[in-house]
Amino acid sequence: MVEDVIVFAAVGFAAQMIDGAIGMAYGLSAASVLLTLGVAPAAASASIHAAEVFTTGASGLAHWCVGNVRRDLVLRLALPGMLGGVLGAFLLVGAPIGPVRVFVSLYLLVLGGVILAKALRPRAPAVPRPWRVALLGFCGGALDAAGGGGWGAIVTSTLIGQGSVPREAIGSANLAEFFVTVAISAAFVATIGLSLWPIIAGLVLGGVLAAPFAALVAKRVPDRPLMVIVAVVVSLLALRNLLLALRALAGGG
């Protein structure tokens, strides 16, 4: 029991450092570990989102305190994201999502290239249109719940790709993710419940400890290097998830 908490605290710390600094990969990193250990996808996603109620809260507060948050972005992302997240949670419990994962992986792969291209040439910060932000929040919430992670990879990278200031995109998406995660967790509790408490406790402990350090990293790293890092991480995650999704489809899973 104690050993499990310590191991997953290390996993949670590492995942939150990455997620809080570049705005993505906490859920995807943790999901990869749990699925490798044989945890069912729905149970893995439920456990991760239960832990993320605390880690995203700590991360969002840390980003708010260091000035990385745009309030309008948070409001436009959170409500549609909560709705999409609840629907995604029910989708994961009752339906196959392999084809959706293939589409999302291809989308993220292209987006990684777009972000890299923007990082390599001068650009002026832009404000995405409100309806696009709302639609992005809805899709990000649905796919995050269904895939056990992915809110940051989809939402943060798209905001940056559209021209948002990287640290503001990262901080705002992190704070909005707290509200989305609460909704997703409630949906999972209502459908399958929670049982992997040592894993949840470890992920919470590590993630909360890492949150303030990750927010400072996001604030202090210059925009263009941060965009390059985001582009590389998005592309690698997309390639990995595309291969896994294609393998599952080929095997009938």
C-alpha atoms as a PDB file:
ATOM      1  CA  MET A   1       0.000   0.000   0.000  1.00  0.00           C
ATOM      2  CA  VAL A   2       2.640   2.569   1.099  1.00  0.00           C
ATOM      3  CA  GLU A   3       4.985   1.430  -1.665  1.00  0.00           C
ATOM      4  CA  ASP A   4       2.236   1.976  -4.256  1.00  0.00           C
ATOM      5  CA  VAL A   5       1.597   5.490  -2.988  1.00  0.00           C
ATOM      6  CA  ILE A   6       5.310   6.356  -3.191  1.00  0.00           C
ATOM      7  CA  VAL A   7       5.687   4.941  -6.705  1.00  0.00           C
ATOM      8  CA  PHE A   8       2.670   6.804  -8.047  1.00  0.00           C
ATOM      9  CA  ALA A   9       3.685   9.972  -6.195  1.00  0.00           C
ATOM     10  CA  ALA A  10       6.850   9.898  -8.313  1.00  0.00           C
ATOM     11  CA  VAL A  11       4.742   9.321 -11.425  1.00  0.00           C
ATOM     12  CA  GLY A  12       2.427  12.173 -10.439  1.00  0.00           C
ATOM     13  CA  PHE A  13       5.305  14.572  -9.704  1.00  0.00           C
ATOM     14  CA  ALA A  14       6.995  13.934 -13.051  1.00  0.00           C
ATOM     15  CA  ALA A  15       3.713  14.109 -14.973  1.00  0.00           C
ATOM     16  CA  GLN A  16       2.668  17.377 -13.297  1.00  0.00           C
ATOM     17  CA  MET A  17       6.048  19.014 -13.908  1.00  0.00           C
ATOM     18  CA  ILE A  18       5.597  18.336 -17.614  1.00  0.00           C
ATOM     19  CA  ASP A  19       1.909  19.268 -17.653  1.00  0.00           C
ATOM     20  CA  GLY A  20       2.234  22.440 -15.594  1.00  0.00           C
ATOM     21  CA  ALA A  21       5.255  23.682 -17.555  1.00  0.00           C
ATOM     22  CA  ILE A  22       4.008  23.075 -21.111  1.00  0.00           C
ATOM     23  CA  GLY A  23       0.275  22.617 -20.540  1.00  0.00           C
ATOM     24  CA  MET A  24      -0.155  18.944 -21.395  1.00  0.00           C
ATOM     25  CA  ALA A  25       0.679  15.265 -20.830  1.00  0.00           C
ATOM     26  CA  TYR A  26      -0.337  14.631 -17.183  1.00  0.00           C
ATOM     27  CA  GLY A  27      -3.289  12.423 -18.048  1.00  0.00           C
ATOM     28  CA  LEU A  28      -1.585  10.822 -21.024  1.00  0.00           C
ATOM     29  CA  SER A  29       1.541  10.025 -19.008  1.00  0.00           C
ATOM     30  CA  ALA A  30      -0.388   8.582 -16.067  1.00  0.00           C
ATOM     31  CA  ALA A  31      -2.767   6.679 -18.353  1.00  0.00           C
ATOM     32  CA  SER A  32       0.167   5.059 -20.128  1.00  0.00           C
ATOM     33  CA  VAL A  33       1.519   3.741 -16.825  1.00  0.00           C
ATOM     34  CA  LEU A  34      -1.856   2.445 -15.607  1.00  0.00           C
ATOM     35  CA  LEU A  35      -2.739   0.763 -18.886  1.00  0.00           C
ATOM     36  CA  THR A  36       0.694  -0.877 -18.957  1.00  0.00           C
ATOM     37  CA  LEU A  37      -0.083  -2.320 -15.501  1.00  0.00           C
ATOM     38  CA  GLY A  38      -3.290  -3.849 -16.858  1.00  0.00           C
ATOM     39  CA  VAL A  39      -5.829  -1.387 -15.441  1.00  0.00           C
ATOM     40  CA  ALA A  40      -9.023  -1.220 -17.530  1.00  0.00           C
ATOM     41  CA  PRO A  41      -9.326   1.994 -19.599  1.00  0.00           C
ATOM     42  CA  ALA A  42     -12.451   3.251 -17.824  1.00  0.00           C
ATOM     43  CA  ALA A  43     -10.964   2.564 -14.353  1.00  0.00           C
ATOM     44  CA  ALA A  44      -7.670   4.201 -15.363  1.00  0.00           C
ATOM     45  CA  SER A  45      -9.428   7.322 -16.639  1.00  0.00           C
ATOM     46  CA  ALA A  46     -11.624   7.505 -13.522  1.00  0.00           C
ATOM     47  CA  SER A  47      -8.588   7.250 -11.204  1.00  0.00           C
ATOM     48  CA  ILE A  48      -6.589   9.828 -13.140  1.00  0.00           C
ATOM     49  CA  HIS A  49      -9.422  12.336 -13.190  1.00  0.00           C
ATOM     50  CA  ALA A  50     -10.075  11.853  -9.480  1.00  0.00           C
ATOM     51  CA  ALA A  51      -6.415  12.701  -8.837  1.00  0.00           C
ATOM     52  CA  GLU A  52      -6.561  15.613 -11.272  1.00  0.00           C
ATOM     53  CA  VAL A  53      -9.303  17.292  -9.254  1.00  0.00           C
ATOM     54  CA  PHE A  54      -6.527  18.121  -6.779  1.00  0.00           C
ATOM     55  CA  THR A  55      -3.566  18.495  -9.151  1.00  0.00           C
ATOM     56  CA  THR A  56      -5.376  20.747 -11.632  1.00  0.00           C
ATOM     57  CA  GLY A  57      -6.706  22.828  -8.749  1.00  0.00           C
ATOM     58  CA  ALA A  58      -3.192  23.302  -7.389  1.00  0.00           C
ATOM     59  CA  SER A  59      -1.778  23.928 -10.854  1.00  0.00           C
ATOM     60  CA  GLY A  60      -4.485  26.402 -11.825  1.00  0.00           C
ATOM     61  CA  LEU A  61      -4.029  28.335  -8.569  1.00  0.00           C
ATOM     62  CA  ALA A  62      -0.258  28.416  -9.061  1.00  0.00           C
ATOM     63  CA  HIS A  63      -0.622  29.756 -12.619  1.00  0.00           C
ATOM     64  CA  TRP A  64      -3.129  32.361 -11.388  1.00  0.00           C
ATOM     65  CA  CYS A  65      -0.738  33.537  -8.688  1.00  0.00           C
ATOM     66  CA  VAL A  66       2.182  34.022 -11.096  1.00  0.00           C
ATOM     67  CA  GLY A  67       0.066  35.814 -13.728  1.00  0.00           C
ATOM     68  CA  ASN A  68      -0.264  33.115 -16.400  1.00  0.00           C
ATOM     69  CA  VAL A  69      -4.098  33.146 -16.558  1.00  0.00           C
ATOM     70  CA  ARG A  70      -6.535  35.000 -18.833  1.00  0.00           C
ATOM     71  CA  ARG A  71      -9.943  35.009 -17.172  1.00  0.00           C
ATOM     72  CA  ASP A  72     -11.905  35.226 -20.437  1.00  0.00           C
ATOM     73  CA  LEU A  73     -10.199  32.121 -21.811  1.00  0.00           C
ATOM     74  CA  VAL A  74     -10.955  30.178 -18.632  1.00  0.00           C
ATOM     75  CA  LEU A  75     -14.662  31.069 -18.756  1.00  0.00           C
ATOM     76  CA  ARG A  76     -14.992  30.202 -22.449  1.00  0.00           C
ATOM     77  CA  LEU A  77     -13.236  26.859 -22.035  1.00  0.00           C
ATOM     78  CA  ALA A  78     -14.619  25.618 -18.721  1.00  0.00           C
ATOM     79  CA  LEU A  79     -18.388  25.315 -19.284  1.00  0.00           C
ATOM     80  CA  PRO A  80     -18.251  23.664 -22.744  1.00  0.00           C
ATOM     81  CA  GLY A  81     -15.398  21.507 -21.479  1.00  0.00           C
ATOM     82  CA  MET A  82     -17.489  20.271 -18.546  1.00  0.00           C
ATOM     83  CA  LEU A  83     -20.348  19.319 -20.879  1.00  0.00           C
ATOM     84  CA  GLY A  84     -18.007  17.549 -23.287  1.00  0.00           C
ATOM     85  CA  GLY A  85     -16.256  15.795 -20.420  1.00  0.00           C
ATOM     86  CA  VAL A  86     -19.467  14.316 -19.017  1.00  0.00           C
ATOM     87  CA  LEU A  87     -20.480  13.049 -22.452  1.00  0.00           C
ATOM     88  CA  GLY A  88     -16.991  11.641 -23.014  1.00  0.00           C
ATOM     89  CA  ALA A  89     -17.091   9.759 -19.712  1.00  0.00           C
ATOM     90  CA  PHE A  90     -20.320   8.002 -20.684  1.00  0.00           C
ATOM     91  CA  LEU A  91     -18.873   7.306 -24.146  1.00  0.00           C
ATOM     92  CA  LEU A  92     -15.837   5.575 -22.644  1.00  0.00           C
ATOM     93  CA  VAL A  93     -17.977   3.330 -20.457  1.00  0.00           C
ATOM     94  CA  GLY A  94     -20.234   2.186 -23.288  1.00  0.00           C
ATOM     95  CA  ALA A  95     -18.565   2.546 -26.684  1.00  0.00           C
ATOM     96  CA  PRO A  96     -15.323   1.855 -28.628  1.00  0.00           C
ATOM     97  CA  ILE A  97     -13.239   4.963 -29.325  1.00  0.00           C
ATOM     98  CA  GLY A  98     -10.443   3.607 -31.532  1.00  0.00           C
ATOM     99  CA  PRO A  99     -11.418   5.550 -34.702  1.00  0.00           C
ATOM    100  CA  VAL A 100     -11.712   8.760 -32.664  1.00  0.00           C
ATOM    101  CA  ARG A 101      -8.210   8.289 -31.274  1.00  0.00           C
ATOM    102  CA  VAL A 102      -6.823   7.867 -34.797  1.00  0.00           C
ATOM    103  CA  PHE A 103      -8.451  11.122 -35.908  1.00  0.00           C
ATOM    104  CA  VAL A 104      -7.270  13.042 -32.843  1.00  0.00           C
ATOM    105  CA  SER A 105      -3.716  11.704 -33.214  1.00  0.00           C
ATOM    106  CA  LEU A 106      -3.567  12.856 -36.841  1.00  0.00           C
ATOM    107  CA  TYR A 107      -4.968  16.252 -35.846  1.00  0.00           C
ATOM    108  CA  LEU A 108      -2.350  16.684 -33.122  1.00  0.00           C
ATOM    109  CA  LEU A 109       0.447  15.600 -35.442  1.00  0.00           C
ATOM    110  CA  VAL A 110      -0.501  18.334 -37.924  1.00  0.00           C
ATOM    111  CA  LEU A 111      -0.925  20.831 -35.078  1.00  0.00           C
ATOM    112  CA  GLY A 112       2.572  20.075 -33.797  1.00  0.00           C
ATOM    113  CA  GLY A 113       3.931  21.076 -37.189  1.00  0.00           C
ATOM    114  CA  VAL A 114       1.858  24.271 -37.203  1.00  0.00           C
ATOM    115  CA  ILE A 115       3.138  25.301 -33.751  1.00  0.00           C
ATOM    116  CA  LEU A 116       6.740  24.571 -34.749  1.00  0.00           C
ATOM    117  CA  ALA A 117       6.358  26.667 -37.891  1.00  0.00           C
ATOM    118  CA  LYS A 118       4.960  29.570 -35.844  1.00  0.00           C
ATOM    119  CA  ALA A 119       7.836  29.279 -33.369  1.00  0.00           C
ATOM    120  CA  LEU A 120      10.408  29.610 -36.137  1.00  0.00           C
ATOM    121  CA  ARG A 121       9.105  32.920 -37.509  1.00  0.00           C
ATOM    122  CA  PRO A 122       8.057  36.234 -35.904  1.00  0.00           C
ATOM    123  CA  ARG A 123       4.418  36.424 -34.867  1.00  0.00           C
ATOM    124  CA  ALA A 124       2.026  38.772 -33.094  1.00  0.00           C
ATOM    125  CA  PRO A 125      -0.162  37.436 -30.259  1.00  0.00           C
ATOM    126  CA  ALA A 126      -3.761  36.852 -31.365  1.00  0.00           C
ATOM    127  CA  VAL A 127      -7.083  36.347 -29.601  1.00  0.00           C
ATOM    128  CA  PRO A 128      -9.014  33.260 -30.825  1.00  0.00           C
ATOM    129  CA  ARG A 129     -12.702  33.842 -31.635  1.00  0.00           C
ATOM    130  CA  PRO A 130     -15.032  33.075 -28.693  1.00  0.00           C
ATOM    131  CA  TRP A 131     -17.075  30.407 -30.522  1.00  0.00           C
ATOM    132  CA  ARG A 132     -13.906  28.588 -31.519  1.00  0.00           C
ATOM    133  CA  VAL A 133     -12.694  28.591 -27.917  1.00  0.00           C
ATOM    134  CA  ALA A 134     -16.047  27.175 -26.727  1.00  0.00           C
ATOM    135  CA  LEU A 135     -16.000  24.438 -29.387  1.00  0.00           C
ATOM    136  CA  LEU A 136     -12.387  23.662 -28.499  1.00  0.00           C
ATOM    137  CA  GLY A 137     -13.336  23.303 -24.828  1.00  0.00           C
ATOM    138  CA  PHE A 138     -16.187  20.924 -25.653  1.00  0.00           C
ATOM    139  CA  CYS A 139     -14.045  18.697 -27.895  1.00  0.00           C
ATOM    140  CA  GLY A 140     -11.133  18.791 -25.454  1.00  0.00           C
ATOM    141  CA  GLY A 141     -13.344  17.735 -22.534  1.00  0.00           C
ATOM    142  CA  ALA A 142     -14.979  14.894 -24.462  1.00  0.00           C
ATOM    143  CA  LEU A 143     -11.721  13.468 -25.760  1.00  0.00           C
ATOM    144  CA  ASP A 144      -9.961  13.926 -22.421  1.00  0.00           C
ATOM    145  CA  ALA A 145     -12.591  11.837 -20.619  1.00  0.00           C
ATOM    146  CA  ALA A 146     -12.728   9.199 -23.349  1.00  0.00           C
ATOM    147  CA  GLY A 147      -8.968   8.838 -23.633  1.00  0.00           C
ATOM    148  CA  GLY A 148      -7.930   9.154 -19.986  1.00  0.00           C
ATOM    149  CA  GLY A 149      -6.099  12.364 -20.825  1.00  0.00           C
ATOM    150  CA  GLY A 150      -5.497  14.802 -23.645  1.00  0.00           C
ATOM    151  CA  TRP A 151      -7.119  18.082 -22.551  1.00  0.00           C
ATOM    152  CA  GLY A 152      -3.805  19.931 -22.594  1.00  0.00           C
ATOM    153  CA  ALA A 153      -2.519  18.344 -25.785  1.00  0.00           C
ATOM    154  CA  ILE A 154      -5.685  19.382 -27.633  1.00  0.00           C
ATOM    155  CA  VAL A 155      -6.668  22.654 -25.940  1.00  0.00           C
ATOM    156  CA  THR A 156      -3.296  24.202 -25.072  1.00  0.00           C
ATOM    157  CA  SER A 157      -1.646  23.316 -28.356  1.00  0.00           C
ATOM    158  CA  THR A 158      -4.608  24.614 -30.384  1.00  0.00           C
ATOM    159  CA  LEU A 159      -4.656  27.912 -28.488  1.00  0.00           C
ATOM    160  CA  ILE A 160      -0.931  28.337 -29.086  1.00  0.00           C
ATOM    161  CA  GLY A 161      -1.338  27.299 -32.723  1.00  0.00           C
ATOM    162  CA  GLN A 162      -4.001  30.008 -33.132  1.00  0.00           C
ATOM    163  CA  GLY A 163      -1.639  32.651 -31.783  1.00  0.00           C
ATOM    164  CA  SER A 164      -2.290  32.902 -28.036  1.00  0.00           C
ATOM    165  CA  VAL A 165       0.629  33.829 -25.793  1.00  0.00           C
ATOM    166  CA  PRO A 166       2.051  30.420 -24.737  1.00  0.00           C
ATOM    167  CA  ARG A 167       2.203  31.045 -20.984  1.00  0.00           C
ATOM    168  CA  GLU A 168      -1.364  32.430 -20.993  1.00  0.00           C
ATOM    169  CA  ALA A 169      -2.637  29.476 -23.025  1.00  0.00           C
ATOM    170  CA  ILE A 170      -0.942  27.049 -20.626  1.00  0.00           C
ATOM    171  CA  GLY A 171      -2.115  28.767 -17.449  1.00  0.00           C
ATOM    172  CA  SER A 172      -5.692  29.374 -18.639  1.00  0.00           C
ATOM    173  CA  ALA A 173      -6.109  25.815 -19.942  1.00  0.00           C
ATOM    174  CA  ASN A 174      -4.746  24.434 -16.656  1.00  0.00           C
ATOM    175  CA  LEU A 175      -7.229  26.421 -14.568  1.00  0.00           C
ATOM    176  CA  ALA A 176     -10.163  25.561 -16.860  1.00  0.00           C
ATOM    177  CA  GLU A 177      -9.139  21.909 -16.652  1.00  0.00           C
ATOM    178  CA  PHE A 178      -9.918  21.907 -12.922  1.00  0.00           C
ATOM    179  CA  PHE A 179     -13.632  22.523 -13.591  1.00  0.00           C
ATOM    180  CA  VAL A 180     -13.676  20.024 -16.457  1.00  0.00           C
ATOM    181  CA  THR A 181     -12.014  17.397 -14.287  1.00  0.00           C
ATOM    182  CA  VAL A 182     -14.551  17.855 -11.483  1.00  0.00           C
ATOM    183  CA  ALA A 183     -17.374  17.209 -13.966  1.00  0.00           C
ATOM    184  CA  ILE A 184     -15.653  14.166 -15.477  1.00  0.00           C
ATOM    185  CA  SER A 185     -14.899  12.678 -12.065  1.00  0.00           C
ATOM    186  CA  ALA A 186     -18.511  13.114 -10.975  1.00  0.00           C
ATOM    187  CA  ALA A 187     -19.654  11.294 -14.125  1.00  0.00           C
ATOM    188  CA  PHE A 188     -17.302   8.387 -13.457  1.00  0.00           C
ATOM    189  CA  VAL A 189     -18.382   8.145  -9.802  1.00  0.00           C
ATOM    190  CA  ALA A 190     -21.986   7.964 -10.980  1.00  0.00           C
ATOM    191  CA  THR A 191     -21.237   5.171 -13.478  1.00  0.00           C
ATOM    192  CA  ILE A 192     -18.386   2.925 -12.299  1.00  0.00           C
ATOM    193  CA  GLY A 193     -17.235   4.409  -8.980  1.00  0.00           C
ATOM    194  CA  LEU A 194     -13.641   4.663  -7.714  1.00  0.00           C
ATOM    195  CA  SER A 195     -11.536   1.868  -6.249  1.00  0.00           C
ATOM    196  CA  LEU A 196      -7.801   2.392  -6.910  1.00  0.00           C
ATOM    197  CA  TRP A 197      -7.220   4.650  -3.919  1.00  0.00           C
ATOM    198  CA  PRO A 198      -3.442   4.023  -3.409  1.00  0.00           C
ATOM    199  CA  ILE A 199      -2.857   5.047  -7.029  1.00  0.00           C
ATOM    200  CA  ILE A 200      -5.099   8.101  -6.693  1.00  0.00           C
ATOM    201  CA  ALA A 201      -3.384   9.165  -3.446  1.00  0.00           C
ATOM    202  CA  GLY A 202       0.074   8.862  -5.006  1.00  0.00           C
ATOM    203  CA  LEU A 203      -0.869  10.821  -8.106  1.00  0.00           C
ATOM    204  CA  VAL A 204      -2.413  13.563  -5.958  1.00  0.00           C
ATOM    205  CA  LEU A 205       0.606  13.843  -3.663  1.00  0.00           C
ATOM    206  CA  GLY A 206       3.165  14.045  -6.452  1.00  0.00           C
ATOM    207  CA  GLY A 207       1.095  16.363  -8.621  1.00  0.00           C
ATOM    208  CA  VAL A 208       0.314  18.880  -5.877  1.00  0.00           C
ATOM    209  CA  LEU A 209       3.973  19.060  -4.847  1.00  0.00           C
ATOM    210  CA  ALA A 210       5.074  19.717  -8.438  1.00  0.00           C
ATOM    211  CA  ALA A 211       2.410  22.321  -9.358  1.00  0.00           C
ATOM    212  CA  PRO A 212       4.063  25.551  -8.086  1.00  0.00           C
ATOM    213  CA  PHE A 213       7.454  24.665  -9.583  1.00  0.00           C
ATOM    214  CA  ALA A 214       5.904  23.879 -12.981  1.00  0.00           C
ATOM    215  CA  ALA A 215       3.997  27.196 -13.049  1.00  0.00           C
ATOM    216  CA  LEU A 216       7.237  29.126 -12.475  1.00  0.00           C
ATOM    217  CA  VAL A 217       8.892  27.238 -15.326  1.00  0.00           C
ATOM    218  CA  ALA A 218       6.041  28.192 -17.672  1.00  0.00           C
ATOM    219  CA  LYS A 219       6.307  31.857 -16.629  1.00  0.00           C
ATOM    220  CA  ARG A 220      10.085  32.155 -17.026  1.00  0.00           C
ATOM    221  CA  VAL A 221      10.783  30.205 -20.213  1.00  0.00           C
ATOM    222  CA  PRO A 222      10.615  32.573 -23.257  1.00  0.00           C
ATOM    223  CA  ASP A 223       7.672  32.140 -25.630  1.00  0.00           C
ATOM    224  CA  ARG A 224       9.482  30.781 -28.683  1.00  0.00           C
ATOM    225  CA  PRO A 225      11.476  28.027 -26.929  1.00  0.00           C
ATOM    226  CA  LEU A 226       8.285  27.105 -25.069  1.00  0.00           C
ATOM    227  CA  MET A 227       6.453  26.771 -28.393  1.00  0.00           C
ATOM    228  CA  VAL A 228       9.193  24.516 -29.761  1.00  0.00           C
ATOM    229  CA  ILE A 229       8.952  22.285 -26.672  1.00  0.00           C
ATOM    230  CA  VAL A 230       5.159  22.126 -26.974  1.00  0.00           C
ATOM    231  CA  ALA A 231       5.400  21.275 -30.693  1.00  0.00           C
ATOM    232  CA  VAL A 232       7.854  18.442 -30.073  1.00  0.00           C
ATOM    233  CA  VAL A 233       5.855  16.965 -27.176  1.00  0.00           C
ATOM    234  CA  VAL A 234       2.570  17.192 -29.105  1.00  0.00           C
ATOM    235  CA  SER A 235       4.103  15.469 -32.117  1.00  0.00           C
ATOM    236  CA  LEU A 236       5.657  12.666 -30.076  1.00  0.00           C
ATOM    237  CA  LEU A 237       2.423  12.047 -28.156  1.00  0.00           C
ATOM    238  CA  ALA A 238       0.463  12.066 -31.404  1.00  0.00           C
ATOM    239  CA  LEU A 239       2.777   9.525 -33.040  1.00  0.00           C
ATOM    240  CA  ARG A 240       2.666   7.264 -29.997  1.00  0.00           C
ATOM    241  CA  ASN A 241      -1.123   7.420 -29.696  1.00  0.00           C
ATOM    242  CA  LEU A 242      -1.586   6.924 -33.443  1.00  0.00           C
ATOM    243  CA  LEU A 243       0.491   3.741 -33.367  1.00  0.00           C
ATOM    244  CA  LEU A 244      -1.403   2.438 -30.328  1.00  0.00           C
ATOM    245  CA  ALA A 245      -4.785   3.259 -31.864  1.00  0.00           C
ATOM    246  CA  LEU A 246      -3.912   1.607 -35.189  1.00  0.00           C
ATOM    247  CA  ARG A 247      -2.592  -1.462 -33.374  1.00  0.00           C
ATOM    248  CA  ALA A 248      -5.820  -1.710 -31.356  1.00  0.00           C
ATOM    249  CA  LEU A 249      -7.957  -1.377 -34.485  1.00  0.00           C
ATOM    250  CA  ALA A 250      -5.875  -3.977 -36.318  1.00  0.00           C
ATOM    251  CA  GLY A 251      -6.310  -6.360 -33.397  1.00  0.00           C
ATOM    252  CA  GLY A 252     -10.021  -5.731 -33.195  1.00  0.00           C
ATOM    253  CA  GLY A 253      -9.681  -3.880 -29.845  1.00  0.00           C
END
